[in-house]
Amino acid sequence: MLDNINLIKRIDCSDMLGVVENFPNQINEAVSLAEDVNLDSSDFSNIIIGGMGGSGISGDITEIYFKDKSRIPVYVNKDYNLPSWVDKKTLVFVISYSGNTEESLGMLKHALNKKATIIGISSDGVLERLCYKNNLYHVKVPRGFQPRAALAYLLFPTLYILGEIFEVDL
């Protein structure tokens, strides 16, 4: 059954096979969406990647990837609030595919209050509007995916930006 592509396509209502087949193209597009974000690593003493559910997976992968490559701690946050040590020397990625995830919006507001540097990643929603309203970086990813199917768009902007900061080739 697993080698019968026609059968898979018949039962794959959400076209996950097509999403997986297109993953390399999504990676290239996702990186190009993040190329305008330019930050200097000397500005930061720690990094937080916040997101929930399918959007939060990108933080988990990024934390593991940079564990032995970063001279700055990378921490994943899956809560409304941020740790008490967040300050103006913290880079916070707020990731919500829809841009309307309550916990992610709570993180954004908390990061604003702490004067952290913020990068929002979403396809739309309140997150995008708050980023523009507050003159924050925002990486706008394509709409129309389930968050779990948008992994390339949520993961690779973060990997690319941190790769640039830490001068690490991906």
C-alpha atoms as a PDB file:
ATOM      1  CA  MET A   1       0.000   0.000   0.000  1.00  0.00           C
ATOM      2  CA  LEU A   2       2.772   2.501   0.844  1.00  0.00           C
ATOM      3  CA  ASP A   3       4.256   2.138  -2.623  1.00  0.00           C
ATOM      4  CA  ASN A   4       0.920   2.736  -4.380  1.00  0.00           C
ATOM      5  CA  ILE A   5       1.026   6.481  -5.128  1.00  0.00           C
ATOM      6  CA  ASN A   6      -2.437   6.486  -6.729  1.00  0.00           C
ATOM      7  CA  LEU A   7      -3.981   4.962  -3.599  1.00  0.00           C
ATOM      8  CA  ILE A   8      -2.138   7.417  -1.371  1.00  0.00           C
ATOM      9  CA  LYS A   9      -3.370  10.349  -3.460  1.00  0.00           C
ATOM     10  CA  ARG A  10      -6.971   9.057  -3.240  1.00  0.00           C
ATOM     11  CA  ILE A  11      -6.916   8.894   0.559  1.00  0.00           C
ATOM     12  CA  ASP A  12      -4.670  11.933   1.104  1.00  0.00           C
ATOM     13  CA  CYS A  13      -7.482  14.507   1.268  1.00  0.00           C
ATOM     14  CA  SER A  14      -5.233  17.351   2.404  1.00  0.00           C
ATOM     15  CA  ASP A  15      -2.476  16.550  -0.135  1.00  0.00           C
ATOM     16  CA  MET A  16       0.221  16.037   2.475  1.00  0.00           C
ATOM     17  CA  LEU A  17       2.166  14.009  -0.090  1.00  0.00           C
ATOM     18  CA  GLY A  18       2.206  17.049  -2.375  1.00  0.00           C
ATOM     19  CA  VAL A  19       3.347  19.252   0.500  1.00  0.00           C
ATOM     20  CA  VAL A  20       6.180  16.848   1.302  1.00  0.00           C
ATOM     21  CA  GLU A  21       7.184  16.597  -2.361  1.00  0.00           C
ATOM     22  CA  ASN A  22       7.314  20.410  -2.545  1.00  0.00           C
ATOM     23  CA  PHE A  23       9.306  20.804   0.703  1.00  0.00           C
ATOM     24  CA  PRO A  24      12.618  21.741  -1.022  1.00  0.00           C
ATOM     25  CA  ASN A  25      10.892  24.559  -2.934  1.00  0.00           C
ATOM     26  CA  GLN A  26       9.223  25.744   0.268  1.00  0.00           C
ATOM     27  CA  ILE A  27      12.627  25.881   1.981  1.00  0.00           C
ATOM     28  CA  ASN A  28      14.035  28.128  -0.748  1.00  0.00           C
ATOM     29  CA  GLU A  29      10.994  30.394  -0.653  1.00  0.00           C
ATOM     30  CA  ALA A  30      11.025  30.534   3.160  1.00  0.00           C
ATOM     31  CA  VAL A  31      14.677  31.588   3.236  1.00  0.00           C
ATOM     32  CA  SER A  32      14.035  34.326   0.682  1.00  0.00           C
ATOM     33  CA  LEU A  33      11.192  35.662   2.858  1.00  0.00           C
ATOM     34  CA  ALA A  34      13.634  36.175   5.747  1.00  0.00           C
ATOM     35  CA  GLU A  35      16.520  37.764   3.849  1.00  0.00           C
ATOM     36  CA  ASP A  36      15.521  41.318   4.814  1.00  0.00           C
ATOM     37  CA  VAL A  37      16.036  40.670   8.536  1.00  0.00           C
ATOM     38  CA  ASN A  38      19.517  41.895   9.486  1.00  0.00           C
ATOM     39  CA  LEU A  39      20.638  41.648  13.085  1.00  0.00           C
ATOM     40  CA  ASP A  40      23.995  41.597  14.867  1.00  0.00           C
ATOM     41  CA  SER A  41      24.735  38.827  17.384  1.00  0.00           C
ATOM     42  CA  SER A  42      26.485  41.276  19.705  1.00  0.00           C
ATOM     43  CA  ASP A  43      23.076  42.791  20.415  1.00  0.00           C
ATOM     44  CA  PHE A  44      21.819  39.642  22.186  1.00  0.00           C
ATOM     45  CA  SER A  45      22.604  37.622  25.288  1.00  0.00           C
ATOM     46  CA  ASN A  46      19.842  35.038  24.759  1.00  0.00           C
ATOM     47  CA  ILE A  47      17.250  33.939  22.237  1.00  0.00           C
ATOM     48  CA  ILE A  48      13.693  32.707  22.699  1.00  0.00           C
ATOM     49  CA  ILE A  49      11.600  30.959  20.080  1.00  0.00           C
ATOM     50  CA  GLY A  50       7.922  30.939  20.990  1.00  0.00           C
ATOM     51  CA  GLY A  51       5.065  29.096  19.347  1.00  0.00           C
ATOM     52  CA  MET A  52       2.368  26.551  20.040  1.00  0.00           C
ATOM     53  CA  GLY A  53       1.369  23.286  18.368  1.00  0.00           C
ATOM     54  CA  GLY A  54       2.374  22.961  14.726  1.00  0.00           C
ATOM     55  CA  SER A  55       3.889  26.441  14.820  1.00  0.00           C
ATOM     56  CA  GLY A  56       5.963  25.552  17.872  1.00  0.00           C
ATOM     57  CA  ILE A  57       7.677  22.578  16.235  1.00  0.00           C
ATOM     58  CA  SER A  58      10.029  24.962  14.439  1.00  0.00           C
ATOM     59  CA  GLY A  59      11.322  26.193  17.800  1.00  0.00           C
ATOM     60  CA  ASP A  60      12.015  22.660  18.988  1.00  0.00           C
ATOM     61  CA  ILE A  61      14.009  21.846  15.857  1.00  0.00           C
ATOM     62  CA  THR A  62      15.891  25.155  15.921  1.00  0.00           C
ATOM     63  CA  GLU A  63      16.851  24.733  19.578  1.00  0.00           C
ATOM     64  CA  ILE A  64      18.319  21.288  18.863  1.00  0.00           C
ATOM     65  CA  TYR A  65      20.108  22.462  15.713  1.00  0.00           C
ATOM     66  CA  PHE A  66      21.837  25.406  17.401  1.00  0.00           C
ATOM     67  CA  LYS A  67      22.560  23.666  20.710  1.00  0.00           C
ATOM     68  CA  ASP A  68      26.240  23.150  19.855  1.00  0.00           C
ATOM     69  CA  LYS A  69      26.539  25.945  17.271  1.00  0.00           C
ATOM     70  CA  SER A  70      25.425  28.980  19.263  1.00  0.00           C
ATOM     71  CA  ARG A  71      27.426  30.923  21.793  1.00  0.00           C
ATOM     72  CA  ILE A  72      24.120  32.402  22.978  1.00  0.00           C
ATOM     73  CA  PRO A  73      21.463  30.262  24.717  1.00  0.00           C
ATOM     74  CA  VAL A  74      18.465  29.358  22.540  1.00  0.00           C
ATOM     75  CA  TYR A  75      15.326  28.613  24.553  1.00  0.00           C
ATOM     76  CA  VAL A  76      11.884  27.408  23.417  1.00  0.00           C
ATOM     77  CA  ASN A  77       8.852  28.984  25.086  1.00  0.00           C
ATOM     78  CA  LYS A  78       5.356  27.502  24.868  1.00  0.00           C
ATOM     79  CA  ASP A  79       3.518  29.695  27.327  1.00  0.00           C
ATOM     80  CA  TYR A  80       1.719  33.039  27.470  1.00  0.00           C
ATOM     81  CA  ASN A  81       4.512  34.610  29.468  1.00  0.00           C
ATOM     82  CA  LEU A  82       8.239  34.767  28.945  1.00  0.00           C
ATOM     83  CA  PRO A  83      10.923  33.915  31.519  1.00  0.00           C
ATOM     84  CA  SER A  84      11.813  36.642  34.019  1.00  0.00           C
ATOM     85  CA  TRP A  85      15.313  37.065  32.533  1.00  0.00           C
ATOM     86  CA  VAL A  86      14.000  38.410  29.202  1.00  0.00           C
ATOM     87  CA  ASP A  87      15.236  41.961  28.607  1.00  0.00           C
ATOM     88  CA  LYS A  88      16.411  44.321  25.862  1.00  0.00           C
ATOM     89  CA  LYS A  89      19.317  41.935  25.099  1.00  0.00           C
ATOM     90  CA  THR A  90      16.876  39.119  24.234  1.00  0.00           C
ATOM     91  CA  LEU A  91      15.850  38.202  20.691  1.00  0.00           C
ATOM     92  CA  VAL A  92      12.330  36.764  20.676  1.00  0.00           C
ATOM     93  CA  PHE A  93      10.838  34.928  17.709  1.00  0.00           C
ATOM     94  CA  VAL A  94       7.040  34.815  17.994  1.00  0.00           C
ATOM     95  CA  ILE A  95       5.698  32.181  15.616  1.00  0.00           C
ATOM     96  CA  SER A  96       2.017  31.614  14.879  1.00  0.00           C
ATOM     97  CA  TYR A  97       0.997  30.354  11.464  1.00  0.00           C
ATOM     98  CA  SER A  98      -2.439  31.987  11.688  1.00  0.00           C
ATOM     99  CA  GLY A  99      -1.115  34.999  13.557  1.00  0.00           C
ATOM    100  CA  ASN A 100      -3.954  34.693  16.049  1.00  0.00           C
ATOM    101  CA  THR A 101      -2.727  32.138  18.592  1.00  0.00           C
ATOM    102  CA  GLU A 102      -3.569  33.496  22.024  1.00  0.00           C
ATOM    103  CA  GLU A 103      -0.385  32.266  23.708  1.00  0.00           C
ATOM    104  CA  SER A 104       1.836  33.695  20.964  1.00  0.00           C
ATOM    105  CA  LEU A 105       0.123  37.068  21.173  1.00  0.00           C
ATOM    106  CA  GLY A 106       0.651  36.991  24.943  1.00  0.00           C
ATOM    107  CA  MET A 107       4.364  36.320  24.359  1.00  0.00           C
ATOM    108  CA  LEU A 108       4.533  39.239  21.934  1.00  0.00           C
ATOM    109  CA  LYS A 109       2.967  41.634  24.428  1.00  0.00           C
ATOM    110  CA  HIS A 110       5.262  40.401  27.188  1.00  0.00           C
ATOM    111  CA  ALA A 111       8.321  40.788  24.920  1.00  0.00           C
ATOM    112  CA  LEU A 112       7.234  44.336  24.045  1.00  0.00           C
ATOM    113  CA  ASN A 113       6.950  45.193  27.745  1.00  0.00           C
ATOM    114  CA  LYS A 114      10.446  43.773  28.337  1.00  0.00           C
ATOM    115  CA  LYS A 115      11.856  45.819  25.411  1.00  0.00           C
ATOM    116  CA  ALA A 116      13.142  42.671  23.672  1.00  0.00           C
ATOM    117  CA  THR A 117      13.940  42.587  19.958  1.00  0.00           C
ATOM    118  CA  ILE A 118      11.041  40.767  18.295  1.00  0.00           C
ATOM    119  CA  ILE A 119      10.649  38.906  15.027  1.00  0.00           C
ATOM    120  CA  GLY A 120       7.126  37.755  14.209  1.00  0.00           C
ATOM    121  CA  ILE A 121       6.493  34.931  11.765  1.00  0.00           C
ATOM    122  CA  SER A 122       2.934  34.393  10.542  1.00  0.00           C
ATOM    123  CA  SER A 123       0.742  34.228   7.482  1.00  0.00           C
ATOM    124  CA  ASP A 124      -1.571  36.993   8.660  1.00  0.00           C
ATOM    125  CA  GLY A 125      -3.564  37.902  11.718  1.00  0.00           C
ATOM    126  CA  VAL A 126      -3.120  40.033  14.791  1.00  0.00           C
ATOM    127  CA  LEU A 127       0.567  39.087  15.053  1.00  0.00           C
ATOM    128  CA  GLU A 128       1.324  40.632  11.674  1.00  0.00           C
ATOM    129  CA  ARG A 129      -0.667  43.773  12.475  1.00  0.00           C
ATOM    130  CA  LEU A 130       1.022  44.217  15.871  1.00  0.00           C
ATOM    131  CA  CYS A 131       4.456  43.751  14.323  1.00  0.00           C
ATOM    132  CA  TYR A 132       3.792  46.477  11.766  1.00  0.00           C
ATOM    133  CA  LYS A 133       2.119  48.760  14.309  1.00  0.00           C
ATOM    134  CA  ASN A 134       5.147  48.485  16.626  1.00  0.00           C
ATOM    135  CA  ASN A 135       7.743  48.673  13.824  1.00  0.00           C
ATOM    136  CA  LEU A 136       8.959  45.112  14.463  1.00  0.00           C
ATOM    137  CA  TYR A 137      10.412  42.618  12.045  1.00  0.00           C
ATOM    138  CA  HIS A 138       7.769  40.355  10.501  1.00  0.00           C
ATOM    139  CA  VAL A 139       8.260  37.442   8.120  1.00  0.00           C
ATOM    140  CA  LYS A 140       5.013  36.903   6.219  1.00  0.00           C
ATOM    141  CA  VAL A 141       4.603  33.309   5.097  1.00  0.00           C
ATOM    142  CA  PRO A 142       2.059  32.014   2.560  1.00  0.00           C
ATOM    143  CA  ARG A 143      -1.503  31.283   3.661  1.00  0.00           C
ATOM    144  CA  GLY A 144      -3.524  28.188   2.889  1.00  0.00           C
ATOM    145  CA  PHE A 145      -1.644  25.480   4.785  1.00  0.00           C
ATOM    146  CA  GLN A 146      -2.346  23.588   7.978  1.00  0.00           C
ATOM    147  CA  PRO A 147       0.350  24.725  10.462  1.00  0.00           C
ATOM    148  CA  ARG A 148       1.883  21.224  10.471  1.00  0.00           C
ATOM    149  CA  ALA A 149       2.125  21.403   6.668  1.00  0.00           C
ATOM    150  CA  ALA A 150       3.791  24.831   6.805  1.00  0.00           C
ATOM    151  CA  LEU A 151       6.871  23.562   8.645  1.00  0.00           C
ATOM    152  CA  ALA A 152       9.339  24.778   6.010  1.00  0.00           C
ATOM    153  CA  TYR A 153       7.840  28.280   6.135  1.00  0.00           C
ATOM    154  CA  LEU A 154       7.912  28.428   9.943  1.00  0.00           C
ATOM    155  CA  LEU A 155      11.277  26.728  10.481  1.00  0.00           C
ATOM    156  CA  PHE A 156      13.618  27.995   7.792  1.00  0.00           C
ATOM    157  CA  PRO A 157      13.219  31.749   8.345  1.00  0.00           C
ATOM    158  CA  THR A 158      14.262  31.144  11.960  1.00  0.00           C
ATOM    159  CA  LEU A 159      17.166  28.884  10.949  1.00  0.00           C
ATOM    160  CA  TYR A 160      18.285  31.365   8.294  1.00  0.00           C
ATOM    161  CA  ILE A 161      18.177  34.409  10.590  1.00  0.00           C
ATOM    162  CA  LEU A 162      20.041  32.631  13.380  1.00  0.00           C
ATOM    163  CA  GLY A 163      22.490  31.189  10.856  1.00  0.00           C
ATOM    164  CA  GLU A 164      23.276  34.733   9.748  1.00  0.00           C
ATOM    165  CA  ILE A 165      23.630  35.942  13.338  1.00  0.00           C
ATOM    166  CA  PHE A 166      25.906  33.063  14.348  1.00  0.00           C
ATOM    167  CA  GLU A 167      27.674  32.873  10.968  1.00  0.00           C
ATOM    168  CA  VAL A 168      26.648  29.228  10.592  1.00  0.00           C
ATOM    169  CA  ASP A 169      26.046  27.678   7.182  1.00  0.00           C
ATOM    170  CA  LEU A 170      22.810  25.730   7.035  1.00  0.00           C
END
